[in-house]
Amino acid sequence: DVVVTVVGVDEHDQMLLLEFCRAFEAAIKKVLKIKPNTDVSMELRILQSYSKVCMVVEEMIIDGDIDHLDANMIAAVIKM
């Protein structure tokens, strides 16, 4: 299993963190080109493409603040 721990401060409430987790999952699946409902080992794909995962995190979080939550925009920026 892939486990992601997300921690926020007072300005980052539970709804924003949940939205971040959903956007993170969508962005990872889009960047790693994982089609819906396929039996693909996420662990293996993440390990093989760890640099892309780091780029997704870097694009979503800037200076400790959540910046982008649009998976399509994140994938487009990383594709450049």
C-alpha atoms as a PDB file:
ATOM      1  CA  ASP A   1       0.000   0.000   0.000  1.00  0.00           C
ATOM      2  CA  VAL A   2       0.978   3.584  -0.563  1.00  0.00           C
ATOM      3  CA  VAL A   3       0.501   5.740   2.530  1.00  0.00           C
ATOM      4  CA  VAL A   4       0.557   9.534   2.400  1.00  0.00           C
ATOM      5  CA  THR A   5       0.540  11.520   5.632  1.00  0.00           C
ATOM      6  CA  VAL A   6      -0.884  15.023   5.340  1.00  0.00           C
ATOM      7  CA  VAL A   7      -0.662  17.457   8.239  1.00  0.00           C
ATOM      8  CA  GLY A   8      -1.989  20.986   8.314  1.00  0.00           C
ATOM      9  CA  VAL A   9      -2.105  23.950  10.633  1.00  0.00           C
ATOM     10  CA  ASP A  10      -5.106  26.040  11.672  1.00  0.00           C
ATOM     11  CA  GLU A  11      -5.493  27.632   8.247  1.00  0.00           C
ATOM     12  CA  HIS A  12      -5.546  24.187   6.578  1.00  0.00           C
ATOM     13  CA  ASP A  13      -8.759  22.577   7.783  1.00  0.00           C
ATOM     14  CA  GLN A  14      -9.844  18.990   7.171  1.00  0.00           C
ATOM     15  CA  MET A  15     -11.796  19.834   4.021  1.00  0.00           C
ATOM     16  CA  LEU A  16      -8.802  21.503   2.381  1.00  0.00           C
ATOM     17  CA  LEU A  17      -6.562  18.567   3.318  1.00  0.00           C
ATOM     18  CA  LEU A  18      -9.104  16.113   1.910  1.00  0.00           C
ATOM     19  CA  GLU A  19      -9.301  18.146  -1.294  1.00  0.00           C
ATOM     20  CA  PHE A  20      -5.493  18.127  -1.447  1.00  0.00           C
ATOM     21  CA  CYS A  21      -5.391  14.311  -1.067  1.00  0.00           C
ATOM     22  CA  ARG A  22      -7.933  13.830  -3.848  1.00  0.00           C
ATOM     23  CA  ALA A  23      -6.091  16.244  -6.145  1.00  0.00           C
ATOM     24  CA  PHE A  24      -2.777  14.557  -5.311  1.00  0.00           C
ATOM     25  CA  GLU A  25      -4.162  11.141  -6.234  1.00  0.00           C
ATOM     26  CA  ALA A  26      -5.663  12.478  -9.480  1.00  0.00           C
ATOM     27  CA  ALA A  27      -2.425  14.256 -10.407  1.00  0.00           C
ATOM     28  CA  ILE A  28      -0.296  11.172  -9.698  1.00  0.00           C
ATOM     29  CA  LYS A  29      -2.575   8.981 -11.804  1.00  0.00           C
ATOM     30  CA  LYS A  30      -2.530  11.533 -14.637  1.00  0.00           C
ATOM     31  CA  VAL A  31       1.236  12.131 -14.573  1.00  0.00           C
ATOM     32  CA  LEU A  32       2.059   8.420 -14.305  1.00  0.00           C
ATOM     33  CA  LYS A  33      -0.603   7.638 -16.949  1.00  0.00           C
ATOM     34  CA  ILE A  34      -2.530   5.159 -14.813  1.00  0.00           C
ATOM     35  CA  LYS A  35      -5.915   4.471 -16.357  1.00  0.00           C
ATOM     36  CA  PRO A  36      -8.983   4.133 -14.110  1.00  0.00           C
ATOM     37  CA  ASN A  37      -9.951   0.624 -12.972  1.00  0.00           C
ATOM     38  CA  THR A  38      -6.687  -1.033 -13.984  1.00  0.00           C
ATOM     39  CA  ASP A  39      -4.782  -3.507 -11.876  1.00  0.00           C
ATOM     40  CA  VAL A  40      -1.525  -1.615 -11.769  1.00  0.00           C
ATOM     41  CA  SER A  41       0.824  -1.760  -8.833  1.00  0.00           C
ATOM     42  CA  MET A  42       0.844   1.829  -7.606  1.00  0.00           C
ATOM     43  CA  GLU A  43       3.831   1.064  -5.411  1.00  0.00           C
ATOM     44  CA  LEU A  44       5.919  -0.088  -8.358  1.00  0.00           C
ATOM     45  CA  ARG A  45       4.850   2.830 -10.573  1.00  0.00           C
ATOM     46  CA  ILE A  46       5.639   5.346  -7.837  1.00  0.00           C
ATOM     47  CA  LEU A  47       9.063   3.837  -7.191  1.00  0.00           C
ATOM     48  CA  GLN A  48       9.865   3.757 -10.908  1.00  0.00           C
ATOM     49  CA  SER A  49       8.754   7.368 -11.385  1.00  0.00           C
ATOM     50  CA  TYR A  50       9.693   8.858  -8.029  1.00  0.00           C
ATOM     51  CA  SER A  51      11.089  12.021  -9.620  1.00  0.00           C
ATOM     52  CA  LYS A  52       7.708  12.744 -11.224  1.00  0.00           C
ATOM     53  CA  VAL A  53       5.974  12.208  -7.883  1.00  0.00           C
ATOM     54  CA  CYS A  54       8.357  14.734  -6.322  1.00  0.00           C
ATOM     55  CA  MET A  55       7.545  17.182  -9.118  1.00  0.00           C
ATOM     56  CA  VAL A  56       3.809  16.789  -8.404  1.00  0.00           C
ATOM     57  CA  VAL A  57       4.383  17.560  -4.721  1.00  0.00           C
ATOM     58  CA  GLU A  58       6.620  20.498  -5.605  1.00  0.00           C
ATOM     59  CA  GLU A  59       3.959  21.923  -7.924  1.00  0.00           C
ATOM     60  CA  MET A  60       1.129  21.453  -5.414  1.00  0.00           C
ATOM     61  CA  ILE A  61       2.909  22.830  -2.338  1.00  0.00           C
ATOM     62  CA  ILE A  62       4.903  26.043  -2.522  1.00  0.00           C
ATOM     63  CA  ASP A  63       6.575  27.477   0.592  1.00  0.00           C
ATOM     64  CA  GLY A  64       4.491  25.220   2.838  1.00  0.00           C
ATOM     65  CA  ASP A  65       1.164  26.361   1.394  1.00  0.00           C
ATOM     66  CA  ILE A  66      -1.160  24.432  -0.881  1.00  0.00           C
ATOM     67  CA  ASP A  67      -0.995  26.216  -4.205  1.00  0.00           C
ATOM     68  CA  HIS A  68      -2.430  24.140  -7.056  1.00  0.00           C
ATOM     69  CA  LEU A  69      -5.165  21.509  -6.878  1.00  0.00           C
ATOM     70  CA  ASP A  70      -5.995  21.113 -10.583  1.00  0.00           C
ATOM     71  CA  ALA A  71      -4.629  17.744 -11.763  1.00  0.00           C
ATOM     72  CA  ASN A  72      -4.784  18.741 -15.447  1.00  0.00           C
ATOM     73  CA  MET A  73      -2.788  21.924 -14.860  1.00  0.00           C
ATOM     74  CA  ILE A  74      -0.204  20.074 -12.752  1.00  0.00           C
ATOM     75  CA  ALA A  75       0.216  17.398 -15.426  1.00  0.00           C
ATOM     76  CA  ALA A  76       0.602  20.054 -18.123  1.00  0.00           C
ATOM     77  CA  VAL A  77       3.278  21.906 -16.164  1.00  0.00           C
ATOM     78  CA  ILE A  78       5.211  18.707 -15.484  1.00  0.00           C
ATOM     79  CA  LYS A  79       4.953  17.640 -19.123  1.00  0.00           C
ATOM     80  CA  MET A  80       6.746  20.836 -20.169  1.00  0.00           C
END
